[in-house]
C-alpha atoms as a PDB file:
ATOM      1  CA  MET A   1      74.698  95.729 178.737  1.00  0.00           C
ATOM      2  CA  VAL A   2      76.380  97.358 175.725  1.00  0.00           C
ATOM      3  CA  THR A   3      74.309  96.713 172.663  1.00  0.00           C
ATOM      4  CA  SER A   4      76.494  98.553 170.179  1.00  0.00           C
ATOM      5  CA  VAL A   5      80.093  99.617 169.839  1.00  0.00           C
ATOM      6  CA  PRO A   6      81.110 103.069 168.449  1.00  0.00           C
ATOM      7  CA  LEU A   7      83.195 103.126 165.289  1.00  0.00           C
ATOM      8  CA  ARG A   8      85.903 105.684 164.538  1.00  0.00           C
ATOM      9  CA  ASP A   9      83.914 107.100 161.616  1.00  0.00           C
ATOM     10  CA  GLY A  10      81.089 108.223 163.901  1.00  0.00           C
ATOM     11  CA  ARG A  11      78.786 105.218 163.173  1.00  0.00           C
ATOM     12  CA  SER A  12      78.235 102.250 165.454  1.00  0.00           C
ATOM     13  CA  ILE A  13      78.097  98.477 165.078  1.00  0.00           C
ATOM     14  CA  PRO A  14      75.810  96.046 167.009  1.00  0.00           C
ATOM     15  CA  ALA A  15      77.905  94.224 169.606  1.00  0.00           C
ATOM     16  CA  ILE A  16      76.538  90.783 168.709  1.00  0.00           C
ATOM     17  CA  GLY A  17      76.273  89.792 165.051  1.00  0.00           C
ATOM     18  CA  PHE A  18      75.119  86.668 163.310  1.00  0.00           C
ATOM     19  CA  GLY A  19      77.723  84.768 161.272  1.00  0.00           C
ATOM     20  CA  VAL A  20      76.898  82.588 158.282  1.00  0.00           C
ATOM     21  CA  TYR A  21      80.191  81.003 157.298  1.00  0.00           C
ATOM     22  CA  LYS A  22      79.706  77.486 155.770  1.00  0.00           C
ATOM     23  CA  VAL A  23      75.956  77.970 155.456  1.00  0.00           C
ATOM     24  CA  ASP A  24      74.556  77.547 151.951  1.00  0.00           C
ATOM     25  CA  ASP A  25      72.224  80.017 150.321  1.00  0.00           C
ATOM     26  CA  ASP A  26      68.946  78.403 151.212  1.00  0.00           C
ATOM     27  CA  ALA A  27      70.038  77.560 154.754  1.00  0.00           C
ATOM     28  CA  ALA A  28      71.348  81.118 155.220  1.00  0.00           C
ATOM     29  CA  GLU A  29      68.025  82.535 154.183  1.00  0.00           C
ATOM     30  CA  THR A  30      66.284  80.463 156.825  1.00  0.00           C
ATOM     31  CA  ALA A  31      68.909  81.031 159.533  1.00  0.00           C
ATOM     32  CA  VAL A  32      69.157  84.765 159.010  1.00  0.00           C
ATOM     33  CA  GLY A  33      65.325  84.988 159.090  1.00  0.00           C
ATOM     34  CA  LEU A  34      65.311  83.189 162.465  1.00  0.00           C
ATOM     35  CA  ALA A  35      68.158  85.368 163.705  1.00  0.00           C
ATOM     36  CA  LEU A  36      66.287  88.623 162.787  1.00  0.00           C
ATOM     37  CA  ASP A  37      63.157  87.324 164.399  1.00  0.00           C
ATOM     38  CA  ALA A  38      65.198  86.651 167.533  1.00  0.00           C
ATOM     39  CA  GLY A  39      66.446  90.218 167.697  1.00  0.00           C
ATOM     40  CA  TYR A  40      69.786  90.181 165.881  1.00  0.00           C
ATOM     41  CA  ARG A  41      70.372  93.341 163.908  1.00  0.00           C
ATOM     42  CA  HIS A  42      73.766  92.545 162.475  1.00  0.00           C
ATOM     43  CA  VAL A  43      74.536  89.966 159.803  1.00  0.00           C
ATOM     44  CA  ASP A  44      78.038  89.085 158.635  1.00  0.00           C
ATOM     45  CA  THR A  45      78.573  87.433 155.264  1.00  0.00           C
ATOM     46  CA  ALA A  46      81.157  87.412 152.505  1.00  0.00           C
ATOM     47  CA  GLU A  47      81.585  86.922 148.800  1.00  0.00           C
ATOM     48  CA  MET A  48      83.426  83.667 149.473  1.00  0.00           C
ATOM     49  CA  TYR A  49      80.615  82.198 151.620  1.00  0.00           C
ATOM     50  CA  GLY A  50      78.346  81.892 148.592  1.00  0.00           C
ATOM     51  CA  ASN A  51      75.266  82.898 150.497  1.00  0.00           C
ATOM     52  CA  GLU A  52      74.781  86.661 149.935  1.00  0.00           C
ATOM     53  CA  THR A  53      71.670  85.982 147.941  1.00  0.00           C
ATOM     54  CA  GLY A  54      70.052  84.073 150.764  1.00  0.00           C
ATOM     55  CA  VAL A  55      71.077  86.742 153.262  1.00  0.00           C
ATOM     56  CA  GLY A  56      69.528  89.464 151.149  1.00  0.00           C
ATOM     57  CA  LYS A  57      66.293  87.541 150.741  1.00  0.00           C
ATOM     58  CA  ALA A  58      66.031  87.068 154.509  1.00  0.00           C
ATOM     59  CA  ILE A  59      66.576  90.761 155.137  1.00  0.00           C
ATOM     60  CA  ARG A  60      63.846  91.741 152.666  1.00  0.00           C
ATOM     61  CA  ALA A  61      61.411  89.107 153.978  1.00  0.00           C
ATOM     62  CA  SER A  62      61.918  90.428 157.539  1.00  0.00           C
ATOM     63  CA  ARG A  63      60.282  93.717 156.486  1.00  0.00           C
ATOM     64  CA  LEU A  64      62.649  95.496 158.901  1.00  0.00           C
ATOM     65  CA  ASP A  65      63.702  99.015 157.900  1.00  0.00           C
ATOM     66  CA  ARG A  66      66.934  98.780 156.013  1.00  0.00           C
ATOM     67  CA  ASP A  67      68.695 101.097 158.419  1.00  0.00           C
ATOM     68  CA  ASP A  68      67.842  98.740 161.321  1.00  0.00           C
ATOM     69  CA  VAL A  69      69.931  95.874 159.965  1.00  0.00           C
ATOM     70  CA  PHE A  70      73.786  96.223 159.908  1.00  0.00           C
ATOM     71  CA  VAL A  71      75.141  94.152 156.911  1.00  0.00           C
ATOM     72  CA  THR A  72      78.783  93.271 156.423  1.00  0.00           C
ATOM     73  CA  THR A  73      80.318  91.558 153.454  1.00  0.00           C
ATOM     74  CA  LYS A  74      83.930  91.029 152.259  1.00  0.00           C
ATOM     75  CA  VAL A  75      86.027  91.039 149.105  1.00  0.00           C
ATOM     76  CA  TRP A  76      87.781  87.734 148.413  1.00  0.00           C
ATOM     77  CA  ASN A  77      91.501  87.381 147.816  1.00  0.00           C
ATOM     78  CA  ASP A  78      91.195  86.661 144.096  1.00  0.00           C
ATOM     79  CA  HIS A  79      89.433  89.989 143.583  1.00  0.00           C
ATOM     80  CA  GLN A  80      91.898  92.302 145.294  1.00  0.00           C
ATOM     81  CA  GLY A  81      93.228  95.309 143.367  1.00  0.00           C
ATOM     82  CA  ARG A  82      91.183  98.376 142.389  1.00  0.00           C
ATOM     83  CA  ASP A  83      89.259  97.216 139.340  1.00  0.00           C
ATOM     84  CA  ALA A  84      88.608  93.693 140.593  1.00  0.00           C
ATOM     85  CA  THR A  85      87.499  94.953 143.950  1.00  0.00           C
ATOM     86  CA  LEU A  86      85.028  97.419 142.405  1.00  0.00           C
ATOM     87  CA  ARG A  87      83.587  94.699 140.244  1.00  0.00           C
ATOM     88  CA  ALA A  88      83.354  92.307 143.251  1.00  0.00           C
ATOM     89  CA  PHE A  89      81.644  94.993 145.353  1.00  0.00           C
ATOM     90  CA  ASP A  90      79.029  95.616 142.650  1.00  0.00           C
ATOM     91  CA  GLU A  91      78.374  91.903 142.409  1.00  0.00           C
ATOM     92  CA  SER A  92      77.985  91.580 146.177  1.00  0.00           C
ATOM     93  CA  LEU A  93      75.500  94.409 146.241  1.00  0.00           C
ATOM     94  CA  ALA A  94      73.549  92.745 143.394  1.00  0.00           C
ATOM     95  CA  ARG A  95      73.394  89.425 145.149  1.00  0.00           C
ATOM     96  CA  LEU A  96      72.372  91.058 148.384  1.00  0.00           C
ATOM     97  CA  GLY A  97      69.828  93.225 146.652  1.00  0.00           C
ATOM     98  CA  LEU A  98      71.090  96.358 148.480  1.00  0.00           C
ATOM     99  CA  ASP A  99      72.122  99.774 147.475  1.00  0.00           C
ATOM    100  CA  ALA A 100      74.827  99.919 150.108  1.00  0.00           C
ATOM    101  CA  VAL A 101      76.418  97.752 152.837  1.00  0.00           C
ATOM    102  CA  ASP A 102      77.127  98.943 156.356  1.00  0.00           C
ATOM    103  CA  LEU A 103      80.639  97.461 156.413  1.00  0.00           C
ATOM    104  CA  TYR A 104      82.897  96.193 153.640  1.00  0.00           C
ATOM    105  CA  LEU A 105      86.042  94.307 154.584  1.00  0.00           C
ATOM    106  CA  ILE A 106      89.190  92.900 152.932  1.00  0.00           C
ATOM    107  CA  HIS A 107      88.771  89.239 153.773  1.00  0.00           C
ATOM    108  CA  TRP A 108      92.423  88.437 154.152  1.00  0.00           C
ATOM    109  CA  PRO A 109      95.641  90.433 153.547  1.00  0.00           C
ATOM    110  CA  ALA A 110      96.884  87.730 151.127  1.00  0.00           C
ATOM    111  CA  ALA A 111     100.202  89.474 151.559  1.00  0.00           C
ATOM    112  CA  ALA A 112     102.049  87.289 148.983  1.00  0.00           C
ATOM    113  CA  ASN A 113      99.932  88.847 146.233  1.00  0.00           C
ATOM    114  CA  ASP A 114     100.845  92.413 147.492  1.00  0.00           C
ATOM    115  CA  ARG A 115      97.520  93.944 146.522  1.00  0.00           C
ATOM    116  CA  TYR A 116      96.034  94.704 149.939  1.00  0.00           C
ATOM    117  CA  VAL A 117      97.246  98.346 150.048  1.00  0.00           C
ATOM    118  CA  GLU A 118      95.719  99.071 146.667  1.00  0.00           C
ATOM    119  CA  THR A 119      92.568  97.208 147.766  1.00  0.00           C
ATOM    120  CA  TRP A 120      92.417  99.289 150.955  1.00  0.00           C
ATOM    121  CA  ARG A 121      92.546 102.503 148.964  1.00  0.00           C
ATOM    122  CA  THR A 122      89.642 101.152 146.963  1.00  0.00           C
ATOM    123  CA  LEU A 123      87.598 100.454 150.031  1.00  0.00           C
ATOM    124  CA  VAL A 124      88.153 104.028 151.212  1.00  0.00           C
ATOM    125  CA  GLU A 125      86.980 105.159 147.804  1.00  0.00           C
ATOM    126  CA  LEU A 126      83.847 103.083 148.210  1.00  0.00           C
ATOM    127  CA  ARG A 127      83.250 104.601 151.713  1.00  0.00           C
ATOM    128  CA  GLU A 128      83.585 108.048 150.255  1.00  0.00           C
ATOM    129  CA  SER A 129      80.996 107.193 147.623  1.00  0.00           C
ATOM    130  CA  GLY A 130      78.532 106.164 150.382  1.00  0.00           C
ATOM    131  CA  ARG A 131      77.941 102.709 149.063  1.00  0.00           C
ATOM    132  CA  ALA A 132      80.086 101.145 151.810  1.00  0.00           C
ATOM    133  CA  ARG A 133      79.081 103.094 154.859  1.00  0.00           C
ATOM    134  CA  SER A 134      82.117 101.895 156.854  1.00  0.00           C
ATOM    135  CA  VAL A 135      85.194 100.021 155.767  1.00  0.00           C
ATOM    136  CA  GLY A 136      87.695  97.763 157.477  1.00  0.00           C
ATOM    137  CA  VAL A 137      89.782  94.617 157.248  1.00  0.00           C
ATOM    138  CA  SER A 138      89.738  90.997 158.391  1.00  0.00           C
ATOM    139  CA  ASN A 139      92.554  88.722 159.512  1.00  0.00           C
ATOM    140  CA  PHE A 140      95.102  91.523 159.379  1.00  0.00           C
ATOM    141  CA  GLN A 141      98.082  91.341 161.720  1.00  0.00           C
ATOM    142  CA  VAL A 142      99.976  94.352 163.122  1.00  0.00           C
ATOM    143  CA  PRO A 143     102.463  94.606 160.204  1.00  0.00           C
ATOM    144  CA  HIS A 144      99.603  94.629 157.649  1.00  0.00           C
ATOM    145  CA  LEU A 145      97.762  97.374 159.658  1.00  0.00           C
ATOM    146  CA  GLU A 146     100.916  99.376 160.016  1.00  0.00           C
ATOM    147  CA  ARG A 147     101.516  99.261 156.312  1.00  0.00           C
ATOM    148  CA  ILE A 148      97.977 100.321 155.160  1.00  0.00           C
ATOM    149  CA  ILE A 149      97.807 103.118 157.729  1.00  0.00           C
ATOM    150  CA  GLY A 150     101.312 104.268 156.943  1.00  0.00           C
ATOM    151  CA  GLU A 151     100.823 104.288 153.118  1.00  0.00           C
ATOM    152  CA  THR A 152      97.284 105.707 153.067  1.00  0.00           C
ATOM    153  CA  GLY A 153      96.769 107.650 156.267  1.00  0.00           C
ATOM    154  CA  GLU A 154      93.411 105.841 156.640  1.00  0.00           C
ATOM    155  CA  VAL A 155      92.705 103.631 159.684  1.00  0.00           C
ATOM    156  CA  PRO A 156      90.253 100.760 159.359  1.00  0.00           C
ATOM    157  CA  ALA A 157      87.052 100.976 161.414  1.00  0.00           C
ATOM    158  CA  VAL A 158      87.204  97.245 162.156  1.00  0.00           C
ATOM    159  CA  ASN A 159      89.594  94.294 162.096  1.00  0.00           C
ATOM    160  CA  GLN A 160      87.715  90.949 162.157  1.00  0.00           C
ATOM    161  CA  VAL A 161      89.914  88.188 163.429  1.00  0.00           C
ATOM    162  CA  GLU A 162      89.793  84.730 165.003  1.00  0.00           C
ATOM    163  CA  ARG A 163      89.414  85.199 168.718  1.00  0.00           C
ATOM    164  CA  HIS A 164      88.540  82.802 171.541  1.00  0.00           C
ATOM    165  CA  PRO A 165      90.107  81.876 174.886  1.00  0.00           C
ATOM    166  CA  TRP A 166      92.892  79.820 173.203  1.00  0.00           C
ATOM    167  CA  LEU A 167      93.712  82.839 170.994  1.00  0.00           C
ATOM    168  CA  PRO A 168      92.727  86.040 172.783  1.00  0.00           C
ATOM    169  CA  GLN A 169      94.835  88.223 170.427  1.00  0.00           C
ATOM    170  CA  ARG A 170      96.158  90.472 173.244  1.00  0.00           C
ATOM    171  CA  ASP A 171      98.902  92.245 171.330  1.00  0.00           C
ATOM    172  CA  LEU A 172      96.700  92.776 168.365  1.00  0.00           C
ATOM    173  CA  ILE A 173      93.896  94.192 170.484  1.00  0.00           C
ATOM    174  CA  ALA A 174      96.368  96.509 172.205  1.00  0.00           C
ATOM    175  CA  PHE A 175      97.312  97.925 168.786  1.00  0.00           C
ATOM    176  CA  HIS A 176      93.636  98.271 167.846  1.00  0.00           C
ATOM    177  CA  GLU A 177      93.004 100.230 171.035  1.00  0.00           C
ATOM    178  CA  GLN A 178      95.893 102.538 170.299  1.00  0.00           C
ATOM    179  CA  HIS A 179      94.474 103.309 166.873  1.00  0.00           C
ATOM    180  CA  GLY A 180      90.724 103.316 167.527  1.00  0.00           C
ATOM    181  CA  ILE A 181      90.039 100.098 165.610  1.00  0.00           C
ATOM    182  CA  VAL A 182      87.175  97.908 166.775  1.00  0.00           C
ATOM    183  CA  THR A 183      88.030  94.222 167.228  1.00  0.00           C
ATOM    184  CA  GLU A 184      85.502  91.763 165.798  1.00  0.00           C
ATOM    185  CA  ALA A 185      85.696  88.037 166.793  1.00  0.00           C
ATOM    186  CA  TRP A 186      85.031  85.176 164.378  1.00  0.00           C
ATOM    187  CA  SER A 187      85.097  81.586 165.597  1.00  0.00           C
ATOM    188  CA  PRO A 188      84.239  82.654 169.152  1.00  0.00           C
ATOM    189  CA  LEU A 189      83.516  79.063 170.169  1.00  0.00           C
ATOM    190  CA  GLY A 190      86.732  77.725 168.620  1.00  0.00           C
ATOM    191  CA  ARG A 191      84.568  76.075 165.932  1.00  0.00           C
ATOM    192  CA  GLY A 192      82.840  74.183 168.715  1.00  0.00           C
ATOM    193  CA  ARG A 193      86.000  72.738 170.213  1.00  0.00           C
ATOM    194  CA  LEU A 194      85.744  74.824 173.383  1.00  0.00           C
ATOM    195  CA  ILE A 195      82.244  73.625 174.300  1.00  0.00           C
ATOM    196  CA  GLU A 196      83.604  70.788 176.522  1.00  0.00           C
ATOM    197  CA  GLU A 197      86.468  72.735 178.061  1.00  0.00           C
ATOM    198  CA  PRO A 198      86.149  72.086 181.872  1.00  0.00           C
ATOM    199  CA  VAL A 199      87.069  75.682 182.921  1.00  0.00           C
ATOM    200  CA  LEU A 200      84.353  76.997 180.690  1.00  0.00           C
ATOM    201  CA  THR A 201      81.731  74.357 181.634  1.00  0.00           C
ATOM    202  CA  GLY A 202      82.376  75.178 185.287  1.00  0.00           C
ATOM    203  CA  ILE A 203      81.778  78.883 184.685  1.00  0.00           C
ATOM    204  CA  ALA A 204      78.733  78.172 182.596  1.00  0.00           C
ATOM    205  CA  ASP A 205      77.228  75.884 185.250  1.00  0.00           C
ATOM    206  CA  ALA A 206      77.818  78.480 187.966  1.00  0.00           C
ATOM    207  CA  HIS A 207      75.830  81.064 186.005  1.00  0.00           C
ATOM    208  CA  GLY A 208      73.196  78.687 184.710  1.00  0.00           C
ATOM    209  CA  VAL A 209      74.082  79.385 181.069  1.00  0.00           C
ATOM    210  CA  SER A 210      75.700  77.607 178.171  1.00  0.00           C
ATOM    211  CA  VAL A 211      79.419  77.693 177.283  1.00  0.00           C
ATOM    212  CA  ALA A 212      78.435  79.488 174.102  1.00  0.00           C
ATOM    213  CA  GLN A 213      76.775  82.261 176.132  1.00  0.00           C
ATOM    214  CA  VAL A 214      79.888  82.557 178.335  1.00  0.00           C
ATOM    215  CA  LEU A 215      82.091  83.028 175.318  1.00  0.00           C
ATOM    216  CA  VAL A 216      79.755  85.598 173.694  1.00  0.00           C
ATOM    217  CA  ARG A 217      79.606  87.448 177.073  1.00  0.00           C
ATOM    218  CA  TRP A 218      83.394  87.240 177.410  1.00  0.00           C
ATOM    219  CA  ASN A 219      83.829  89.128 174.123  1.00  0.00           C
ATOM    220  CA  VAL A 220      81.076  91.678 174.705  1.00  0.00           C
ATOM    221  CA  GLN A 221      82.231  92.412 178.207  1.00  0.00           C
ATOM    222  CA  GLN A 222      85.640  93.377 176.764  1.00  0.00           C
ATOM    223  CA  GLY A 223      84.253  95.630 174.061  1.00  0.00           C
ATOM    224  CA  VAL A 224      84.811  93.062 171.303  1.00  0.00           C
ATOM    225  CA  VAL A 225      82.070  92.617 168.660  1.00  0.00           C
ATOM    226  CA  VAL A 226      81.321  88.949 168.354  1.00  0.00           C
ATOM    227  CA  LEU A 227      79.860  86.773 165.600  1.00  0.00           C
ATOM    228  CA  PRO A 228      78.326  83.509 166.961  1.00  0.00           C
ATOM    229  CA  LYS A 229      77.020  81.175 164.276  1.00  0.00           C
ATOM    230  CA  SER A 230      74.328  78.505 164.464  1.00  0.00           C
ATOM    231  CA  VAL A 231      71.522  77.121 162.318  1.00  0.00           C
ATOM    232  CA  THR A 232      69.711  75.642 165.287  1.00  0.00           C
ATOM    233  CA  PRO A 233      66.777  77.852 166.377  1.00  0.00           C
ATOM    234  CA  SER A 234      67.288  77.429 170.101  1.00  0.00           C
ATOM    235  CA  ARG A 235      71.014  78.209 169.832  1.00  0.00           C
ATOM    236  CA  ILE A 236      70.418  81.217 167.605  1.00  0.00           C
ATOM    237  CA  ARG A 237      68.232  82.620 170.351  1.00  0.00           C
ATOM    238  CA  SER A 238      70.390  81.681 173.321  1.00  0.00           C
ATOM    239  CA  ASN A 239      73.700  82.893 171.817  1.00  0.00           C
ATOM    240  CA  ARG A 240      72.287  86.418 171.875  1.00  0.00           C
ATOM    241  CA  ASP A 241      70.824  86.128 175.364  1.00  0.00           C
ATOM    242  CA  VAL A 242      73.749  87.228 177.494  1.00  0.00           C
ATOM    243  CA  ASP A 243      72.270  90.105 179.416  1.00  0.00           C
ATOM    244  CA  GLY A 244      71.348  88.200 182.568  1.00  0.00           C
ATOM    245  CA  PHE A 245      74.854  87.593 183.944  1.00  0.00           C
ATOM    246  CA  VAL A 246      78.251  89.186 184.347  1.00  0.00           C
ATOM    247  CA  LEU A 247      81.571  87.331 184.322  1.00  0.00           C
ATOM    248  CA  SER A 248      83.498  87.956 187.551  1.00  0.00           C
ATOM    249  CA  ASP A 249      87.173  88.749 187.883  1.00  0.00           C
ATOM    250  CA  ASP A 250      87.735  85.077 188.865  1.00  0.00           C
ATOM    251  CA  ASP A 251      85.772  83.956 185.811  1.00  0.00           C
ATOM    252  CA  LEU A 252      87.915  86.158 183.565  1.00  0.00           C
ATOM    253  CA  ALA A 253      91.087  84.875 185.165  1.00  0.00           C
ATOM    254  CA  GLY A 254      89.968  81.301 184.609  1.00  0.00           C
ATOM    255  CA  ILE A 255      89.301  82.076 180.950  1.00  0.00           C
ATOM    256  CA  ALA A 256      92.632  83.859 180.611  1.00  0.00           C
ATOM    257  CA  SER A 257      94.405  80.688 181.819  1.00  0.00           C
ATOM    258  CA  LEU A 258      93.275  78.858 178.671  1.00  0.00           C
ATOM    259  CA  GLU A 259      95.459  80.930 176.358  1.00  0.00           C
ATOM    260  CA  SER A 260      97.657  78.686 174.225  1.00  0.00           C
ATOM    261  CA  GLY A 261      97.935  80.397 170.849  1.00  0.00           C
ATOM    262  CA  GLN A 262      96.033  77.581 169.177  1.00  0.00           C
ATOM    263  CA  ARG A 263      94.115  78.492 166.113  1.00  0.00           C
ATOM    264  CA  THR A 264      91.050  76.723 164.648  1.00  0.00           C
ATOM    265  CA  GLY A 265      91.372  78.464 161.307  1.00  0.00           C
ATOM    266  CA  SER A 266      94.174  79.438 158.959  1.00  0.00           C
ATOM    267  CA  HIS A 267      97.104  81.645 159.960  1.00  0.00           C
ATOM    268  CA  PRO A 268      96.941  84.912 157.950  1.00  0.00           C
ATOM    269  CA  ASP A 269     100.490  84.387 156.627  1.00  0.00           C
ATOM    270  CA  SER A 270      99.417  81.109 155.007  1.00  0.00           C
ATOM    271  CA  VAL A 271      96.460  82.433 153.022  1.00  0.00           C
ATOM    272  CA  SER A 272      97.042  83.788 149.525  1.00  0.00           C
END
């Protein structure tokens, strides 16, 4: 079982992370503590989530060595542009109570504002300072990636995007593979809407696992970093427990048949 994925900058990222979107500060502190106890070593938060303080408290309370926990946060759309991004980054570090983050992302391209190239240059500057150990983007499509690479010569380590069987992002992943960009999947369960999908329940029953475990395994087996989210202790544990089975070619073909292009979140072109 692959437990980490190499990044183009020579570092690596744990293959299964813990997501905390729509979890408030206090609940995030509890959930992240449970996740770290369950063996997660990768936590994904964001300025916009409003829970960086709780995440930081949980990391400190765990007494794990700082280098053993991979921490990601993101700059929000309103804070793009060099000066605003630098301020937002400092504020995120202060809330987290950390001297550096492992990965800093542009949350959305927000292309209508036309600040994402300048913001990307700023993230590269933060990487060079050592305070953001790796840098990348989130919700970027191929034209956004082509532009930042073309104008700066710097390739993101990661692009974090919505990915699940309805939206496998094949063309985007092909571009990532050509350029050495790691794909990271948010909403791997389709915000829970895939849990009752008959193809998936059949595969899960055949392996004696949950649909959530099938979807985590589906991503990891394809080299995609995945961010399952739960605040339920049993699900926090089981979502990470995907070592005991392998999806067959028939399983993968069944999952591939579900592709529809349906999103459960916003389209990147609609977010400003």
